[in-house]
Amino acid sequence: MVVCVCNAIKERDVRAAARDGARSACQAYRAMGMQPKCGQCVPFAREIINSERAAA
């Protein structure tokens, strides 16, 4: 599933960043060498990161 249309970031990419230590959407995007543009994806990315952290 696509999380960020502006940067073409997929859910699996956000999950991988979270498993690698990203604690926020901005940290996950930076880990991928990107940054949020319009910002509509940030709440969804945050949910994914929180679910990965809870599962760890």
PDB file of N, CA and C in Angstrom:
ATOM      1  N   MET A   1       0.834  -1.172   0.000  1.00  0.00           N
ATOM      2  CA  MET A   1       0.000   0.000   0.000  1.00  0.00           C
ATOM      3  C   MET A   1       0.888   1.247   0.000  1.00  0.00           C
ATOM      4  N   VAL A   2       0.493   2.241  -0.743  1.00  0.00           N
ATOM      5  CA  VAL A   2       1.231   3.494  -0.803  1.00  0.00           C
ATOM      6  C   VAL A   2       0.831   4.352   0.398  1.00  0.00           C
ATOM      7  N   VAL A   3       1.836   4.818   1.139  1.00  0.00           N
ATOM      8  CA  VAL A   3       1.611   5.693   2.288  1.00  0.00           C
ATOM      9  C   VAL A   3       1.711   7.143   1.846  1.00  0.00           C
ATOM     10  N   CYS A   4       2.734   7.442   1.055  1.00  0.00           N
ATOM     11  CA  CYS A   4       2.997   8.815   0.630  1.00  0.00           C
ATOM     12  C   CYS A   4       3.048   8.870  -0.894  1.00  0.00           C
ATOM     13  N   VAL A   5       2.049   9.498  -1.470  1.00  0.00           N
ATOM     14  CA  VAL A   5       1.987   9.616  -2.922  1.00  0.00           C
ATOM     15  C   VAL A   5       3.081  10.558  -3.424  1.00  0.00           C
ATOM     16  N   CYS A   6       3.321  11.639  -2.688  1.00  0.00           N
ATOM     17  CA  CYS A   6       4.310  12.641  -3.117  1.00  0.00           C
ATOM     18  C   CYS A   6       5.707  12.043  -3.274  1.00  0.00           C
ATOM     19  N   ASN A   7       6.068  11.138  -2.360  1.00  0.00           N
ATOM     20  CA  ASN A   7       7.409  10.540  -2.375  1.00  0.00           C
ATOM     21  C   ASN A   7       7.411   9.080  -2.819  1.00  0.00           C
ATOM     22  N   ALA A   8       6.247   8.533  -3.161  1.00  0.00           N
ATOM     23  CA  ALA A   8       6.106   7.128  -3.556  1.00  0.00           C
ATOM     24  C   ALA A   8       6.668   6.191  -2.495  1.00  0.00           C
ATOM     25  N   ILE A   9       6.301   6.450  -1.228  1.00  0.00           N
ATOM     26  CA  ILE A   9       6.751   5.614  -0.115  1.00  0.00           C
ATOM     27  C   ILE A   9       5.667   4.592   0.178  1.00  0.00           C
ATOM     28  N   LYS A  10       6.082   3.351   0.280  1.00  0.00           N
ATOM     29  CA  LYS A  10       5.148   2.266   0.544  1.00  0.00           C
ATOM     30  C   LYS A  10       5.151   1.915   2.028  1.00  0.00           C
ATOM     31  N   GLU A  11       4.077   1.249   2.440  1.00  0.00           N
ATOM     32  CA  GLU A  11       3.927   0.850   3.839  1.00  0.00           C
ATOM     33  C   GLU A  11       5.107   0.021   4.305  1.00  0.00           C
ATOM     34  N   ARG A  12       5.568  -0.891   3.482  1.00  0.00           N
ATOM     35  CA  ARG A  12       6.695  -1.744   3.886  1.00  0.00           C
ATOM     36  C   ARG A  12       7.949  -0.919   4.152  1.00  0.00           C
ATOM     37  N   ASP A  13       8.125   0.198   3.441  1.00  0.00           N
ATOM     38  CA  ASP A  13       9.281   1.068   3.671  1.00  0.00           C
ATOM     39  C   ASP A  13       9.193   1.752   5.034  1.00  0.00           C
ATOM     40  N   VAL A  14       7.994   2.209   5.387  1.00  0.00           N
ATOM     41  CA  VAL A  14       7.803   2.854   6.690  1.00  0.00           C
ATOM     42  C   VAL A  14       7.991   1.835   7.804  1.00  0.00           C
ATOM     43  N   ARG A  15       7.473   0.631   7.612  1.00  0.00           N
ATOM     44  CA  ARG A  15       7.646  -0.421   8.619  1.00  0.00           C
ATOM     45  C   ARG A  15       9.125  -0.764   8.804  1.00  0.00           C
ATOM     46  N   ALA A  16       9.855  -0.850   7.724  1.00  0.00           N
ATOM     47  CA  ALA A  16      11.286  -1.148   7.808  1.00  0.00           C
ATOM     48  C   ALA A  16      12.025  -0.035   8.545  1.00  0.00           C
ATOM     49  N   ALA A  17      11.687   1.208   8.270  1.00  0.00           N
ATOM     50  CA  ALA A  17      12.322   2.333   8.962  1.00  0.00           C
ATOM     51  C   ALA A  17      12.015   2.285  10.455  1.00  0.00           C
ATOM     52  N   ALA A  18      10.784   1.923  10.793  1.00  0.00           N
ATOM     53  CA  ALA A  18      10.397   1.808  12.201  1.00  0.00           C
ATOM     54  C   ALA A  18      11.181   0.695  12.883  1.00  0.00           C
ATOM     55  N   ARG A  19      11.345  -0.426  12.204  1.00  0.00           N
ATOM     56  CA  ARG A  19      12.126  -1.532  12.775  1.00  0.00           C
ATOM     57  C   ARG A  19      13.599  -1.155  12.919  1.00  0.00           C
ATOM     58  N   ASP A  20      14.053  -0.228  12.080  1.00  0.00           N
ATOM     59  CA  ASP A  20      15.451   0.229  12.154  1.00  0.00           C
ATOM     60  C   ASP A  20      15.636   1.366  13.157  1.00  0.00           C
ATOM     61  N   GLY A  21      14.558   1.746  13.862  1.00  0.00           N
ATOM     62  CA  GLY A  21      14.704   2.712  14.936  1.00  0.00           C
ATOM     63  C   GLY A  21      13.993   4.035  14.787  1.00  0.00           C
ATOM     64  N   ALA A  22      13.344   4.287  13.657  1.00  0.00           N
ATOM     65  CA  ALA A  22      12.622   5.552  13.491  1.00  0.00           C
ATOM     66  C   ALA A  22      11.461   5.592  14.488  1.00  0.00           C
ATOM     67  N   ARG A  23      11.346   6.697  15.205  1.00  0.00           N
ATOM     68  CA  ARG A  23      10.294   6.838  16.199  1.00  0.00           C
ATOM     69  C   ARG A  23       9.221   7.831  15.767  1.00  0.00           C
ATOM     70  N   SER A  24       9.423   8.478  14.645  1.00  0.00           N
ATOM     71  CA  SER A  24       8.437   9.427  14.129  1.00  0.00           C
ATOM     72  C   SER A  24       8.410   9.332  12.609  1.00  0.00           C
ATOM     73  N   ALA A  25       7.378   9.910  12.034  1.00  0.00           N
ATOM     74  CA  ALA A  25       7.267   9.915  10.577  1.00  0.00           C
ATOM     75  C   ALA A  25       8.454  10.659   9.964  1.00  0.00           C
ATOM     76  N   CYS A  26       8.821  11.790  10.561  1.00  0.00           N
ATOM     77  CA  CYS A  26       9.938  12.570  10.016  1.00  0.00           C
ATOM     78  C   CYS A  26      11.245  11.787  10.072  1.00  0.00           C
ATOM     79  N   GLN A  27      11.465  11.050  11.143  1.00  0.00           N
ATOM     80  CA  GLN A  27      12.679  10.229  11.230  1.00  0.00           C
ATOM     81  C   GLN A  27      12.658   9.128  10.171  1.00  0.00           C
ATOM     82  N   ALA A  28      11.502   8.539   9.952  1.00  0.00           N
ATOM     83  CA  ALA A  28      11.391   7.485   8.938  1.00  0.00           C
ATOM     84  C   ALA A  28      11.673   8.048   7.554  1.00  0.00           C
ATOM     85  N   TYR A  29      11.123   9.208   7.258  1.00  0.00           N
ATOM     86  CA  TYR A  29      11.344   9.824   5.946  1.00  0.00           C
ATOM     87  C   TYR A  29      12.814  10.192   5.771  1.00  0.00           C
ATOM     88  N   ARG A  30      13.420  10.750   6.807  1.00  0.00           N
ATOM     89  CA  ARG A  30      14.848  11.093   6.720  1.00  0.00           C
ATOM     90  C   ARG A  30      15.697   9.856   6.479  1.00  0.00           C
ATOM     91  N   ALA A  31      15.334   8.744   7.118  1.00  0.00           N
ATOM     92  CA  ALA A  31      16.079   7.497   6.931  1.00  0.00           C
ATOM     93  C   ALA A  31      16.032   7.034   5.483  1.00  0.00           C
ATOM     94  N   MET A  32      14.970   7.439   4.765  1.00  0.00           N
ATOM     95  CA  MET A  32      14.837   7.085   3.357  1.00  0.00           C
ATOM     96  C   MET A  32      15.359   8.187   2.451  1.00  0.00           C
ATOM     97  N   GLY A  33      15.900   9.254   3.045  1.00  0.00           N
ATOM     98  CA  GLY A  33      16.432  10.362   2.259  1.00  0.00           C
ATOM     99  C   GLY A  33      15.360  11.269   1.695  1.00  0.00           C
ATOM    100  N   MET A  34      14.213  11.327   2.361  1.00  0.00           N
ATOM    101  CA  MET A  34      13.091  12.130   1.876  1.00  0.00           C
ATOM    102  C   MET A  34      12.530  12.956   3.025  1.00  0.00           C
ATOM    103  N   GLN A  35      11.531  13.765   2.708  1.00  0.00           N
ATOM    104  CA  GLN A  35      10.799  14.507   3.731  1.00  0.00           C
ATOM    105  C   GLN A  35       9.352  14.650   3.283  1.00  0.00           C
ATOM    106  N   PRO A  36       8.430  14.758   4.249  1.00  0.00           N
ATOM    107  CA  PRO A  36       7.031  14.925   3.865  1.00  0.00           C
ATOM    108  C   PRO A  36       6.855  16.217   3.057  1.00  0.00           C
ATOM    109  N   LYS A  37       6.000  16.160   2.067  1.00  0.00           N
ATOM    110  CA  LYS A  37       5.757  17.351   1.242  1.00  0.00           C
ATOM    111  C   LYS A  37       4.419  17.974   1.603  1.00  0.00           C
ATOM    112  N   CYS A  38       3.320  17.333   1.270  1.00  0.00           N
ATOM    113  CA  CYS A  38       2.016  17.931   1.579  1.00  0.00           C
ATOM    114  C   CYS A  38       1.586  17.634   3.015  1.00  0.00           C
ATOM    115  N   GLY A  39       2.107  16.555   3.605  1.00  0.00           N
ATOM    116  CA  GLY A  39       1.837  16.229   5.001  1.00  0.00           C
ATOM    117  C   GLY A  39       0.625  15.354   5.252  1.00  0.00           C
ATOM    118  N   GLN A  40      -0.155  15.046   4.228  1.00  0.00           N
ATOM    119  CA  GLN A  40      -1.345  14.233   4.440  1.00  0.00           C
ATOM    120  C   GLN A  40      -1.014  12.812   4.871  1.00  0.00           C
ATOM    121  N   CYS A  41       0.166  12.345   4.590  1.00  0.00           N
ATOM    122  CA  CYS A  41       0.556  10.979   4.907  1.00  0.00           C
ATOM    123  C   CYS A  41       1.087  10.816   6.331  1.00  0.00           C
ATOM    124  N   VAL A  42       1.446  11.901   6.977  1.00  0.00           N
ATOM    125  CA  VAL A  42       2.114  11.826   8.286  1.00  0.00           C
ATOM    126  C   VAL A  42       1.277  11.078   9.327  1.00  0.00           C
ATOM    127  N   PRO A  43      -0.028  11.346   9.471  1.00  0.00           N
ATOM    128  CA  PRO A  43      -0.790  10.579  10.467  1.00  0.00           C
ATOM    129  C   PRO A  43      -0.793   9.069  10.191  1.00  0.00           C
ATOM    130  N   PHE A  44      -0.921   8.685   8.929  1.00  0.00           N
ATOM    131  CA  PHE A  44      -0.910   7.263   8.579  1.00  0.00           C
ATOM    132  C   PHE A  44       0.462   6.661   8.846  1.00  0.00           C
ATOM    133  N   ALA A  45       1.526   7.365   8.481  1.00  0.00           N
ATOM    134  CA  ALA A  45       2.882   6.877   8.746  1.00  0.00           C
ATOM    135  C   ALA A  45       3.092   6.729  10.248  1.00  0.00           C
ATOM    136  N   ARG A  46       2.577   7.668  11.025  1.00  0.00           N
ATOM    137  CA  ARG A  46       2.701   7.617  12.489  1.00  0.00           C
ATOM    138  C   ARG A  46       2.004   6.376  13.043  1.00  0.00           C
ATOM    139  N   GLU A  47       0.821   6.049  12.519  1.00  0.00           N
ATOM    140  CA  GLU A  47       0.095   4.848  12.951  1.00  0.00           C
ATOM    141  C   GLU A  47       0.907   3.587  12.656  1.00  0.00           C
ATOM    142  N   ILE A  48       1.510   3.531  11.482  1.00  0.00           N
ATOM    143  CA  ILE A  48       2.307   2.366  11.104  1.00  0.00           C
ATOM    144  C   ILE A  48       3.502   2.228  12.044  1.00  0.00           C
ATOM    145  N   ILE A  49       4.177   3.322  12.316  1.00  0.00           N
ATOM    146  CA  ILE A  49       5.340   3.296  13.206  1.00  0.00           C
ATOM    147  C   ILE A  49       4.927   2.858  14.605  1.00  0.00           C
ATOM    148  N   ASN A  50       3.816   3.387  15.107  1.00  0.00           N
ATOM    149  CA  ASN A  50       3.353   3.001  16.428  1.00  0.00           C
ATOM    150  C   ASN A  50       3.003   1.518  16.500  1.00  0.00           C
ATOM    151  N   SER A  51       2.399   0.987  15.446  1.00  0.00           N
ATOM    152  CA  SER A  51       2.056  -0.434  15.448  1.00  0.00           C
ATOM    153  C   SER A  51       3.306  -1.301  15.395  1.00  0.00           C
ATOM    154  N   GLU A  52       4.314  -0.875  14.667  1.00  0.00           N
ATOM    155  CA  GLU A  52       5.571  -1.633  14.623  1.00  0.00           C
ATOM    156  C   GLU A  52       6.267  -1.602  15.981  1.00  0.00           C
ATOM    157  N   ARG A  53       6.266  -0.456  16.628  1.00  0.00           N
ATOM    158  CA  ARG A  53       6.893  -0.333  17.943  1.00  0.00           C
ATOM    159  C   ARG A  53       6.157  -1.171  18.986  1.00  0.00           C
ATOM    160  N   ALA A  54       4.825  -1.227  18.884  1.00  0.00           N
ATOM    161  CA  ALA A  54       4.037  -2.014  19.828  1.00  0.00           C
ATOM    162  C   ALA A  54       4.279  -3.514  19.647  1.00  0.00           C
ATOM    163  N   ALA A  55       4.535  -3.912  18.406  1.00  0.00           N
ATOM    164  CA  ALA A  55       4.768  -5.321  18.108  1.00  0.00           C
ATOM    165  C   ALA A  55       6.163  -5.783  18.503  1.00  0.00           C
ATOM    166  N   ALA A  56       7.069  -4.839  18.676  1.00  0.00           N
ATOM    167  CA  ALA A  56       8.470  -5.203  18.983  1.00  0.00           C
ATOM    168  C   ALA A  56       8.657  -5.639  20.420  1.00  0.00           C
TER     169      ALA A  56
END
